Amino acid sequence: MSIRLTPFARTRLFPREPRPNTIRDCSPEQFEQYLNATQPLRVLEGYAPFCKLHVHRNWTTTRCLTVPVTEANRHLLRSGYESRSRQELPVLVRWFEGVEPPVADYLVVIVYSAAQLQKEGNPIDREWGVVGCLYTATPDEIPMAPITMMRNALGVEEGGSGVPIDRDAYRRSVAFWDANANWR
């Protein structure tokens, strides 16, 4: 299996201005090389046949992606409208400021097939392309954010994949993201 870091993932996982909530201690090239040289611990089925999740032990000091919302930290939640790229419309997001999660035990790398990336107008020269990465304490998937499910259902022209919303998965996602938030 050959893997390429997509431009979309590169800008999110390895921004020009490094942030504490992105991948640490590793360049984009080293990340891609590691994924191509190292077998994942597990491969999980994604939300559609073209999506897989490769579970790797965290070889960096990257911190967990989410933090549980508690009464003690609820006052640190912030929100705003943001887009993931210049082409996408902004959506409402929330995050913590002023918290520092533990170092993640796992990196759960989200890959799409080359055929799906071609369909989305993002062709690659490998079999699979990295579109994201979850930094977790367990070797499991974090539910996709509800807004990402909605964007996917809107279709490729709105930055999604064209996969309809699974109502049960959406409800599980809402339950998770109501009790957890990203951090910055």
C-alpha atoms as a PDB file:
ATOM      1  CA  MET A   1       0.000   0.000   0.000  1.00  0.00           C
ATOM      2  CA  SER A   2       1.393   3.400  -0.949  1.00  0.00           C
ATOM      3  CA  ILE A   3       0.323   6.566   0.849  1.00  0.00           C
ATOM      4  CA  ARG A   4       0.607  10.261  -0.050  1.00  0.00           C
ATOM      5  CA  LEU A   5      -0.024  13.207   2.288  1.00  0.00           C
ATOM      6  CA  THR A   6      -2.633  15.312   0.464  1.00  0.00           C
ATOM      7  CA  PRO A   7      -2.272  19.100   0.252  1.00  0.00           C
ATOM      8  CA  PHE A   8      -5.497  19.407   2.313  1.00  0.00           C
ATOM      9  CA  ALA A   9      -4.053  17.310   5.156  1.00  0.00           C
ATOM     10  CA  ARG A  10      -0.609  18.904   4.893  1.00  0.00           C
ATOM     11  CA  THR A  11      -1.954  22.389   5.645  1.00  0.00           C
ATOM     12  CA  ARG A  12      -4.064  21.132   8.552  1.00  0.00           C
ATOM     13  CA  LEU A  13      -1.566  18.729  10.166  1.00  0.00           C
ATOM     14  CA  PHE A  14       1.580  20.748   9.373  1.00  0.00           C
ATOM     15  CA  PRO A  15       0.618  24.436   9.160  1.00  0.00           C
ATOM     16  CA  ARG A  16       3.223  27.036   8.149  1.00  0.00           C
ATOM     17  CA  GLU A  17       2.963  28.517  11.642  1.00  0.00           C
ATOM     18  CA  PRO A  18       3.251  25.451  13.927  1.00  0.00           C
ATOM     19  CA  ARG A  19       0.533  25.201  16.574  1.00  0.00           C
ATOM     20  CA  PRO A  20       0.539  23.115  19.753  1.00  0.00           C
ATOM     21  CA  ASN A  21      -2.520  21.117  18.577  1.00  0.00           C
ATOM     22  CA  THR A  22      -0.944  19.781  15.375  1.00  0.00           C
ATOM     23  CA  ILE A  23       1.595  17.009  14.741  1.00  0.00           C
ATOM     24  CA  ARG A  24       4.871  17.664  16.564  1.00  0.00           C
ATOM     25  CA  ASP A  25       8.491  16.556  16.152  1.00  0.00           C
ATOM     26  CA  CYS A  26       8.013  15.408  12.584  1.00  0.00           C
ATOM     27  CA  SER A  27       8.068  17.032   9.150  1.00  0.00           C
ATOM     28  CA  PRO A  28       5.400  16.276   6.519  1.00  0.00           C
ATOM     29  CA  GLU A  29       7.992  14.267   4.580  1.00  0.00           C
ATOM     30  CA  GLN A  30       8.984  12.233   7.670  1.00  0.00           C
ATOM     31  CA  PHE A  31       5.301  11.620   8.446  1.00  0.00           C
ATOM     32  CA  GLU A  32       4.621  10.301   4.940  1.00  0.00           C
ATOM     33  CA  GLN A  33       7.803   8.204   4.981  1.00  0.00           C
ATOM     34  CA  TYR A  34       6.841   6.670   8.354  1.00  0.00           C
ATOM     35  CA  LEU A  35       3.358   5.746   7.090  1.00  0.00           C
ATOM     36  CA  ASN A  36       4.818   4.050   4.023  1.00  0.00           C
ATOM     37  CA  ALA A  37       7.493   2.170   6.010  1.00  0.00           C
ATOM     38  CA  THR A  38       5.492   1.101   9.080  1.00  0.00           C
ATOM     39  CA  GLN A  39       2.571  -1.324   9.240  1.00  0.00           C
ATOM     40  CA  PRO A  40      -0.339   0.071  11.251  1.00  0.00           C
ATOM     41  CA  LEU A  41      -1.357  -1.721  14.453  1.00  0.00           C
ATOM     42  CA  ARG A  42      -4.907  -1.917  13.105  1.00  0.00           C
ATOM     43  CA  VAL A  43      -6.833  -0.813  10.046  1.00  0.00           C
ATOM     44  CA  LEU A  44     -10.384   0.308  10.798  1.00  0.00           C
ATOM     45  CA  GLU A  45     -13.195   0.685   8.293  1.00  0.00           C
ATOM     46  CA  GLY A  46     -14.109   4.315   7.725  1.00  0.00           C
ATOM     47  CA  TYR A  47     -17.500   5.917   7.178  1.00  0.00           C
ATOM     48  CA  ALA A  48     -17.529   4.868   3.496  1.00  0.00           C
ATOM     49  CA  PRO A  49     -15.824   2.117   1.423  1.00  0.00           C
ATOM     50  CA  PHE A  50     -13.174   4.579   0.148  1.00  0.00           C
ATOM     51  CA  CYS A  51     -12.125   5.558   3.698  1.00  0.00           C
ATOM     52  CA  LYS A  52      -9.798   3.627   6.048  1.00  0.00           C
ATOM     53  CA  LEU A  53      -8.251   4.518   9.388  1.00  0.00           C
ATOM     54  CA  HIS A  54      -4.692   3.367  10.067  1.00  0.00           C
ATOM     55  CA  VAL A  55      -3.934   3.127  13.779  1.00  0.00           C
ATOM     56  CA  HIS A  56      -0.297   3.762  14.721  1.00  0.00           C
ATOM     57  CA  ARG A  57       1.388   4.138  18.091  1.00  0.00           C
ATOM     58  CA  ASN A  58       2.247   7.798  18.508  1.00  0.00           C
ATOM     59  CA  TRP A  59       5.957   8.219  17.703  1.00  0.00           C
ATOM     60  CA  THR A  60       5.836  11.982  18.392  1.00  0.00           C
ATOM     61  CA  THR A  61       4.910  14.267  21.296  1.00  0.00           C
ATOM     62  CA  THR A  62       1.604  15.161  19.632  1.00  0.00           C
ATOM     63  CA  ARG A  63      -1.133  15.715  22.210  1.00  0.00           C
ATOM     64  CA  CYS A  64      -4.663  14.283  22.282  1.00  0.00           C
ATOM     65  CA  LEU A  65      -7.032  16.022  19.884  1.00  0.00           C
ATOM     66  CA  THR A  66      -9.936  16.426  22.308  1.00  0.00           C
ATOM     67  CA  VAL A  67     -10.561  17.270  25.931  1.00  0.00           C
ATOM     68  CA  PRO A  68     -13.687  16.307  27.917  1.00  0.00           C
ATOM     69  CA  VAL A  69     -15.942  19.254  28.788  1.00  0.00           C
ATOM     70  CA  THR A  70     -16.344  19.567  32.559  1.00  0.00           C
ATOM     71  CA  GLU A  71     -17.735  22.179  34.924  1.00  0.00           C
ATOM     72  CA  ALA A  72     -14.121  23.019  35.814  1.00  0.00           C
ATOM     73  CA  ASN A  73     -13.120  23.883  32.225  1.00  0.00           C
ATOM     74  CA  ARG A  74     -16.390  24.901  30.534  1.00  0.00           C
ATOM     75  CA  HIS A  75     -15.468  28.578  30.954  1.00  0.00           C
ATOM     76  CA  LEU A  76     -12.441  28.002  28.663  1.00  0.00           C
ATOM     77  CA  LEU A  77     -14.614  27.075  25.647  1.00  0.00           C
ATOM     78  CA  ARG A  78     -14.525  29.498  22.706  1.00  0.00           C
ATOM     79  CA  SER A  79     -16.389  29.510  19.395  1.00  0.00           C
ATOM     80  CA  GLY A  80     -16.214  31.180  16.012  1.00  0.00           C
ATOM     81  CA  TYR A  81     -16.889  30.767  12.314  1.00  0.00           C
ATOM     82  CA  GLU A  82     -14.051  29.161  10.349  1.00  0.00           C
ATOM     83  CA  SER A  83     -13.422  27.355   7.082  1.00  0.00           C
ATOM     84  CA  ARG A  84     -10.907  24.570   6.531  1.00  0.00           C
ATOM     85  CA  SER A  85      -9.784  26.030   3.220  1.00  0.00           C
ATOM     86  CA  ARG A  86     -10.319  29.164   1.129  1.00  0.00           C
ATOM     87  CA  GLN A  87     -12.816  27.323  -1.051  1.00  0.00           C
ATOM     88  CA  GLU A  88     -15.109  26.252   1.810  1.00  0.00           C
ATOM     89  CA  LEU A  89     -17.760  28.339   3.527  1.00  0.00           C
ATOM     90  CA  PRO A  90     -17.141  29.087   7.226  1.00  0.00           C
ATOM     91  CA  VAL A  91     -19.035  27.025   9.799  1.00  0.00           C
ATOM     92  CA  LEU A  92     -19.458  27.424  13.555  1.00  0.00           C
ATOM     93  CA  VAL A  93     -16.764  25.594  15.549  1.00  0.00           C
ATOM     94  CA  ARG A  94     -15.785  25.487  19.214  1.00  0.00           C
ATOM     95  CA  TRP A  95     -12.534  24.827  21.021  1.00  0.00           C
ATOM     96  CA  PHE A  96     -10.790  25.158  24.350  1.00  0.00           C
ATOM     97  CA  GLU A  97      -8.166  27.774  25.060  1.00  0.00           C
ATOM     98  CA  GLY A  98      -5.896  27.413  28.071  1.00  0.00           C
ATOM     99  CA  VAL A  99      -5.880  23.622  28.443  1.00  0.00           C
ATOM    100  CA  GLU A 100      -3.069  21.180  27.731  1.00  0.00           C
ATOM    101  CA  PRO A 101      -4.131  17.595  27.047  1.00  0.00           C
ATOM    102  CA  PRO A 102      -1.876  14.598  27.593  1.00  0.00           C
ATOM    103  CA  VAL A 103       0.380  13.250  24.866  1.00  0.00           C
ATOM    104  CA  ALA A 104      -1.665  10.980  22.602  1.00  0.00           C
ATOM    105  CA  ASP A 105      -0.946   7.251  22.690  1.00  0.00           C
ATOM    106  CA  TYR A 106      -2.118   6.759  19.100  1.00  0.00           C
ATOM    107  CA  LEU A 107      -2.242   8.538  15.775  1.00  0.00           C
ATOM    108  CA  VAL A 108      -5.267   7.375  13.793  1.00  0.00           C
ATOM    109  CA  VAL A 109      -4.499   8.329  10.198  1.00  0.00           C
ATOM    110  CA  ILE A 110      -7.519   8.844   7.921  1.00  0.00           C
ATOM    111  CA  VAL A 111      -6.891   7.837   4.302  1.00  0.00           C
ATOM    112  CA  TYR A 112      -9.069   8.033   1.181  1.00  0.00           C
ATOM    113  CA  SER A 113      -8.602   5.929  -1.937  1.00  0.00           C
ATOM    114  CA  ALA A 114      -6.996   7.528  -4.986  1.00  0.00           C
ATOM    115  CA  ALA A 115     -10.288   7.063  -6.865  1.00  0.00           C
ATOM    116  CA  GLN A 116     -12.230   9.081  -4.277  1.00  0.00           C
ATOM    117  CA  LEU A 117      -9.616  11.832  -4.227  1.00  0.00           C
ATOM    118  CA  GLN A 118      -9.797  11.984  -8.028  1.00  0.00           C
ATOM    119  CA  LYS A 119     -13.593  12.306  -7.767  1.00  0.00           C
ATOM    120  CA  GLU A 120     -13.134  15.190  -5.317  1.00  0.00           C
ATOM    121  CA  GLY A 121     -10.719  16.936  -7.707  1.00  0.00           C
ATOM    122  CA  ASN A 122      -7.608  16.124  -5.651  1.00  0.00           C
ATOM    123  CA  PRO A 123      -5.714  13.485  -7.649  1.00  0.00           C
ATOM    124  CA  ILE A 124      -2.691  11.774  -6.103  1.00  0.00           C
ATOM    125  CA  ASP A 125       0.056   9.531  -7.452  1.00  0.00           C
ATOM    126  CA  ARG A 126      -0.378   6.823  -4.799  1.00  0.00           C
ATOM    127  CA  GLU A 127      -3.059   4.279  -3.839  1.00  0.00           C
ATOM    128  CA  TRP A 128      -4.183   6.175  -0.734  1.00  0.00           C
ATOM    129  CA  GLY A 129      -4.103   9.784   0.387  1.00  0.00           C
ATOM    130  CA  VAL A 130      -4.021  11.099   3.949  1.00  0.00           C
ATOM    131  CA  VAL A 131      -6.943  13.486   4.531  1.00  0.00           C
ATOM    132  CA  GLY A 132      -6.643  13.809   8.310  1.00  0.00           C
ATOM    133  CA  CYS A 133      -5.309  12.374  11.542  1.00  0.00           C
ATOM    134  CA  LEU A 134      -6.847  11.830  14.970  1.00  0.00           C
ATOM    135  CA  TYR A 135      -4.598  12.027  18.044  1.00  0.00           C
ATOM    136  CA  THR A 136      -6.109   9.729  20.677  1.00  0.00           C
ATOM    137  CA  ALA A 137      -5.587   7.987  24.019  1.00  0.00           C
ATOM    138  CA  THR A 138      -7.133   4.768  22.672  1.00  0.00           C
ATOM    139  CA  PRO A 139      -6.633   2.927  19.346  1.00  0.00           C
ATOM    140  CA  ASP A 140     -10.122   3.907  18.245  1.00  0.00           C
ATOM    141  CA  GLU A 141     -11.793   6.419  15.988  1.00  0.00           C
ATOM    142  CA  ILE A 142     -13.127   9.686  17.388  1.00  0.00           C
ATOM    143  CA  PRO A 143     -16.577  10.295  15.868  1.00  0.00           C
ATOM    144  CA  MET A 144     -16.548  12.608  12.876  1.00  0.00           C
ATOM    145  CA  ALA A 145     -17.820  16.051  13.847  1.00  0.00           C
ATOM    146  CA  PRO A 146     -21.492  16.654  12.996  1.00  0.00           C
ATOM    147  CA  ILE A 147     -20.591  19.577  10.710  1.00  0.00           C
ATOM    148  CA  THR A 148     -18.181  17.339   8.768  1.00  0.00           C
ATOM    149  CA  MET A 149     -20.983  14.807   8.257  1.00  0.00           C
ATOM    150  CA  MET A 150     -23.208  17.585   6.961  1.00  0.00           C
ATOM    151  CA  ARG A 151     -20.480  18.941   4.673  1.00  0.00           C
ATOM    152  CA  ASN A 152     -19.913  15.427   3.297  1.00  0.00           C
ATOM    153  CA  ALA A 153     -23.635  15.080   2.590  1.00  0.00           C
ATOM    154  CA  LEU A 154     -23.639  18.413   0.725  1.00  0.00           C
ATOM    155  CA  GLY A 155     -21.203  16.963  -1.793  1.00  0.00           C
ATOM    156  CA  VAL A 156     -17.825  17.544  -3.358  1.00  0.00           C
ATOM    157  CA  GLU A 157     -18.649  21.091  -4.448  1.00  0.00           C
ATOM    158  CA  GLU A 158     -18.982  22.117  -0.766  1.00  0.00           C
ATOM    159  CA  GLY A 159     -15.808  20.364   0.397  1.00  0.00           C
ATOM    160  CA  GLY A 160     -17.446  17.042   1.225  1.00  0.00           C
ATOM    161  CA  SER A 161     -17.346  13.535  -0.148  1.00  0.00           C
ATOM    162  CA  GLY A 162     -20.948  13.091  -1.275  1.00  0.00           C
ATOM    163  CA  VAL A 163     -21.770  10.469   1.386  1.00  0.00           C
ATOM    164  CA  PRO A 164     -25.288  10.899   2.849  1.00  0.00           C
ATOM    165  CA  ILE A 165     -25.740  11.361   6.591  1.00  0.00           C
ATOM    166  CA  ASP A 166     -26.150   8.193   8.643  1.00  0.00           C
ATOM    167  CA  ARG A 167     -28.635   9.403  11.270  1.00  0.00           C
ATOM    168  CA  ASP A 168     -27.471   6.972  13.973  1.00  0.00           C
ATOM    169  CA  ALA A 169     -23.804   7.878  13.413  1.00  0.00           C
ATOM    170  CA  TYR A 170     -24.790  11.547  13.500  1.00  0.00           C
ATOM    171  CA  ARG A 171     -26.505  11.108  16.894  1.00  0.00           C
ATOM    172  CA  ARG A 172     -23.413   9.297  18.271  1.00  0.00           C
ATOM    173  CA  SER A 173     -21.280  12.142  16.947  1.00  0.00           C
ATOM    174  CA  VAL A 174     -23.442  14.781  18.638  1.00  0.00           C
ATOM    175  CA  ALA A 175     -23.258  12.890  21.953  1.00  0.00           C
ATOM    176  CA  PHE A 176     -19.449  12.720  21.744  1.00  0.00           C
ATOM    177  CA  TRP A 177     -18.893  16.328  20.620  1.00  0.00           C
ATOM    178  CA  ASP A 178     -21.373  17.669  23.164  1.00  0.00           C
ATOM    179  CA  ALA A 179     -19.167  16.148  25.896  1.00  0.00           C
ATOM    180  CA  ASN A 180     -15.763  16.904  24.270  1.00  0.00           C
ATOM    181  CA  ALA A 181     -14.064  19.720  22.390  1.00  0.00           C
ATOM    182  CA  ASN A 182     -10.865  20.369  20.478  1.00  0.00           C
ATOM    183  CA  TRP A 183      -8.273  22.702  21.973  1.00  0.00           C
ATOM    184  CA  ARG A 184      -5.826  25.342  20.792  1.00  0.00           C
END
